[in-house]
């Protein structure tokens, strides 16, 4: 699926509060005893981006397509 999304606010800053473990998980550290750490961190990031871009659920972005 090809999809384009133009971010007009690309240089704006987004503040996300993560635990140290969540930040580490996003850098690639694996928490085998608690795999939900990375999932929770990604959820927080997605929620912050959706809030920053003022998106509704129906307009949700598949962030994997932006890479």
Protein backbone atom coordinates (compact mmCIF):
# COMPACT_ATOMS: atom_id res chain seq x y z
CA UNK A 1 0.00 0.00 0.00
CA UNK A 2 1.53 3.30 -1.08
CA UNK A 3 0.38 6.34 0.74
CA UNK A 4 1.71 9.86 1.03
CA UNK A 5 1.32 12.10 4.02
CA UNK A 6 2.65 15.63 4.12
CA UNK A 7 3.48 16.89 7.60
CA UNK A 8 3.29 20.68 7.61
CA UNK A 9 4.34 20.75 11.26
CA UNK A 10 7.46 18.68 10.65
CA UNK A 11 9.75 20.97 12.60
CA UNK A 12 7.45 21.35 15.62
CA UNK A 13 8.42 19.61 18.85
CA UNK A 14 6.42 16.89 20.56
CA UNK A 15 6.80 16.17 24.25
CA UNK A 16 6.36 12.57 25.37
CA UNK A 17 6.91 11.32 28.90
CA UNK A 18 8.59 7.91 28.84
CA UNK A 19 10.14 5.80 31.54
CA UNK A 20 13.83 4.97 31.19
CA UNK A 21 12.89 1.40 30.26
CA UNK A 22 10.49 2.62 27.56
CA UNK A 23 13.13 4.92 26.06
CA UNK A 24 15.65 2.09 26.10
CA UNK A 25 13.16 -0.26 24.45
CA UNK A 26 12.68 2.22 21.59
CA UNK A 27 16.44 2.23 20.98
CA UNK A 28 16.45 -1.55 20.53
CA UNK A 29 17.07 -2.90 24.02
CA UNK A 30 14.98 -6.03 24.55
CA UNK A 31 13.06 -6.66 27.73
CA UNK A 32 12.37 -10.37 27.46
CA UNK A 33 10.77 -10.48 30.88
CA UNK A 34 8.34 -7.68 29.93
CA UNK A 35 7.69 -7.32 26.18
CA UNK A 36 4.93 -4.78 26.86
CA UNK A 37 7.52 -2.07 27.61
CA UNK A 38 8.14 -1.36 23.93
CA UNK A 39 4.45 -1.60 23.06
CA UNK A 40 3.57 0.95 25.74
CA UNK A 41 6.30 3.34 24.56
CA UNK A 42 5.10 3.12 20.96
CA UNK A 43 1.51 3.69 22.09
CA UNK A 44 2.57 6.85 23.91
CA UNK A 45 4.43 8.12 20.84
CA UNK A 46 1.51 7.43 18.52
CA UNK A 47 -0.91 9.13 20.89
CA UNK A 48 1.34 12.20 21.19
CA UNK A 49 1.66 12.47 17.40
CA UNK A 50 -2.06 12.07 16.90
CA UNK A 51 -2.71 14.79 19.48
CA UNK A 52 -0.10 17.10 17.94
CA UNK A 53 -1.54 16.66 14.45
CA UNK A 54 -5.14 16.85 15.76
CA UNK A 55 -6.18 13.58 14.15
CA UNK A 56 -9.35 11.62 14.76
CA UNK A 57 -9.45 7.84 15.01
CA UNK A 58 -10.78 7.57 11.44
CA UNK A 59 -7.85 9.66 10.17
CA UNK A 60 -5.24 7.66 12.08
CA UNK A 61 -1.87 7.30 10.41
CA UNK A 62 -0.04 4.05 9.91
CA UNK A 63 3.33 5.46 11.01
CA UNK A 64 5.19 2.51 9.48
CA UNK A 65 4.28 3.91 6.04
CA UNK A 66 6.18 7.15 6.72
CA UNK A 67 9.58 5.46 6.67
